[in-house]
Protein backbone atom coordinates (compact mmCIF):
# COMPACT_ATOMS: atom_id res chain seq x y z
CA UNK A 1 -3.86 -25.58 -1.61
CA UNK A 2 -5.43 -24.16 1.54
CA UNK A 3 -3.21 -22.54 4.16
CA UNK A 4 -5.19 -24.66 6.62
CA UNK A 5 -4.34 -28.03 5.00
CA UNK A 6 -1.28 -28.72 7.17
CA UNK A 7 -2.78 -27.27 10.36
CA UNK A 8 -4.52 -29.03 13.22
CA UNK A 9 -7.98 -27.78 14.28
CA UNK A 10 -6.37 -26.06 17.29
CA UNK A 11 -3.83 -24.30 15.02
CA UNK A 12 -6.63 -23.17 12.68
CA UNK A 13 -8.43 -21.64 15.66
CA UNK A 14 -5.19 -19.92 16.69
CA UNK A 15 -4.91 -18.35 13.20
CA UNK A 16 -8.53 -17.18 13.34
CA UNK A 17 -8.04 -15.77 16.84
CA UNK A 18 -4.93 -13.83 15.75
CA UNK A 19 -6.96 -11.69 13.38
CA UNK A 20 -10.37 -10.14 13.04
CA UNK A 21 -13.13 -12.04 11.24
CA UNK A 22 -14.95 -9.71 8.86
CA UNK A 23 -17.73 -9.93 6.29
CA UNK A 24 -16.97 -8.21 2.97
CA UNK A 25 -19.57 -7.51 0.28
CA UNK A 26 -19.40 -8.76 -3.31
CA UNK A 27 -17.71 -6.17 -5.52
CA UNK A 28 -15.49 -4.88 -2.70
CA UNK A 29 -11.75 -4.56 -3.36
CA UNK A 30 -9.86 -5.18 -0.11
CA UNK A 31 -6.45 -5.05 -1.83
CA UNK A 32 -5.37 -2.65 -4.58
CA UNK A 33 -2.40 -2.87 -6.92
CA UNK A 34 0.60 -0.62 -6.12
CA UNK A 35 -0.48 0.10 -2.53
CA UNK A 36 1.32 -0.62 0.72
CA UNK A 37 1.23 -4.03 2.36
CA UNK A 38 -0.61 -3.34 5.60
CA UNK A 39 -2.80 -6.45 5.84
CA UNK A 40 -3.50 -9.92 4.53
CA UNK A 41 -6.69 -11.96 4.57
CA UNK A 42 -7.46 -15.65 4.88
CA UNK A 43 -10.68 -16.44 3.04
CA UNK A 44 -13.10 -18.48 5.14
CA UNK A 45 -16.05 -18.26 2.73
CA UNK A 46 -16.50 -16.86 -0.79
CA UNK A 47 -14.42 -16.27 -3.88
CA UNK A 48 -12.22 -13.44 -5.18
CA UNK A 49 -10.70 -12.45 -8.50
CA UNK A 50 -7.01 -11.51 -8.51
CA UNK A 51 -6.30 -8.94 -11.22
CA UNK A 52 -3.08 -7.47 -12.55
CA UNK A 53 -3.45 -4.38 -14.72
CA UNK A 54 -7.17 -5.15 -14.92
CA UNK A 55 -6.72 -8.72 -16.22
CA UNK A 56 -7.76 -11.65 -14.05
CA UNK A 57 -4.75 -13.85 -13.26
CA UNK A 58 -6.31 -16.10 -10.61
CA UNK A 59 -9.33 -16.83 -8.48
CA UNK A 60 -9.04 -17.69 -4.81
CA UNK A 61 -11.52 -19.27 -2.41
CA UNK A 62 -11.97 -20.71 1.05
CA UNK A 63 -8.66 -21.51 2.74
CA UNK A 64 -6.61 -19.26 0.46
CA UNK A 65 -4.59 -16.32 1.72
CA UNK A 66 -4.38 -13.01 -0.11
CA UNK A 67 -2.11 -10.05 0.47
CA UNK A 68 0.71 -12.07 2.01
CA UNK A 69 3.19 -11.76 -0.88
CA UNK A 70 3.79 -8.03 -0.49
CA UNK A 71 4.11 -8.39 3.29
CA UNK A 72 6.67 -11.19 3.06
CA UNK A 73 8.61 -9.55 0.22
CA UNK A 74 8.34 -5.99 1.64
CA UNK A 75 6.99 -4.66 -1.66
CA UNK A 76 3.95 -2.81 -2.94
CA UNK A 77 0.91 -4.89 -3.92
CA UNK A 78 1.35 -6.57 -7.30
CA UNK A 79 -2.37 -7.12 -7.94
CA UNK A 80 -5.87 -5.99 -7.09
CA UNK A 81 -8.30 -8.38 -5.40
CA UNK A 82 -12.05 -8.06 -6.02
CA UNK A 83 -14.71 -10.05 -4.17
CA UNK A 84 -16.78 -12.08 -6.65
CA UNK A 85 -19.17 -13.14 -3.87
CA UNK A 86 -19.86 -12.12 -0.30
CA UNK A 87 -16.78 -12.99 1.74
CA UNK A 88 -16.02 -14.03 5.27
CA UNK A 89 -12.34 -13.38 5.92
CA UNK A 90 -9.81 -13.22 8.71
CA UNK A 91 -7.96 -9.88 8.57
CA UNK A 92 -4.33 -10.31 9.66
CA UNK A 93 -1.83 -7.53 10.30
CA UNK A 94 1.81 -8.01 9.27
CA UNK A 95 2.62 -8.37 12.99
CA UNK A 96 0.00 -11.11 13.41
CA UNK A 97 1.43 -12.99 10.41
CA UNK A 98 4.92 -12.72 11.90
CA UNK A 99 3.73 -13.97 15.32
CA UNK A 100 1.73 -16.82 13.78
CA UNK A 101 4.66 -17.84 11.57
CA UNK A 102 6.69 -18.38 14.74
CA UNK A 103 4.01 -19.87 16.99
CA UNK A 104 2.38 -22.04 14.27
CA UNK A 105 5.32 -23.08 12.05
CA UNK A 106 3.05 -24.93 9.59
CA UNK A 107 1.14 -21.68 9.00
CA UNK A 108 4.40 -19.81 8.35
CA UNK A 109 5.46 -22.48 5.87
CA UNK A 110 2.06 -22.37 4.11
CA UNK A 111 2.17 -18.57 3.83
CA UNK A 112 5.73 -18.59 2.48
CA UNK A 113 4.80 -21.36 0.01
CA UNK A 114 1.76 -19.39 -1.19
CA UNK A 115 3.88 -16.27 -1.68
CA UNK A 116 6.62 -18.20 -3.49
CA UNK A 117 4.10 -19.86 -5.81
CA UNK A 118 2.73 -16.47 -6.80
CA UNK A 119 6.11 -14.90 -7.55
CA UNK A 120 6.05 -16.66 -10.91
CA UNK A 121 2.66 -15.04 -11.62
CA UNK A 122 4.07 -11.59 -10.83
CA UNK A 123 6.02 -11.36 -14.07
């Protein structure tokens, strides 16, 4: 489920404006296991592999958020993310996520739901 599904076009633009849109090359690893939670990304284009201890546990694509779980739970990263294709992402700081969660409640709910759904995969 995309974090954008419950958002209006204006709210989607607000999310995009709250961060920095970046291109990332295939093969790049924007998030590494057991590192601090200093950013999250919303994928606009492309696909990533989510890996725990080197084993793929999920793939994510356009509309998915990555890196939010450690921010919300105040923990170290539980997985590594590797770009399978070229990506276009919105880089969000923890502060931006906090502001958006207040100003765009549907975004906050979607982020919390995504993090909660992944807790079961963290085992």
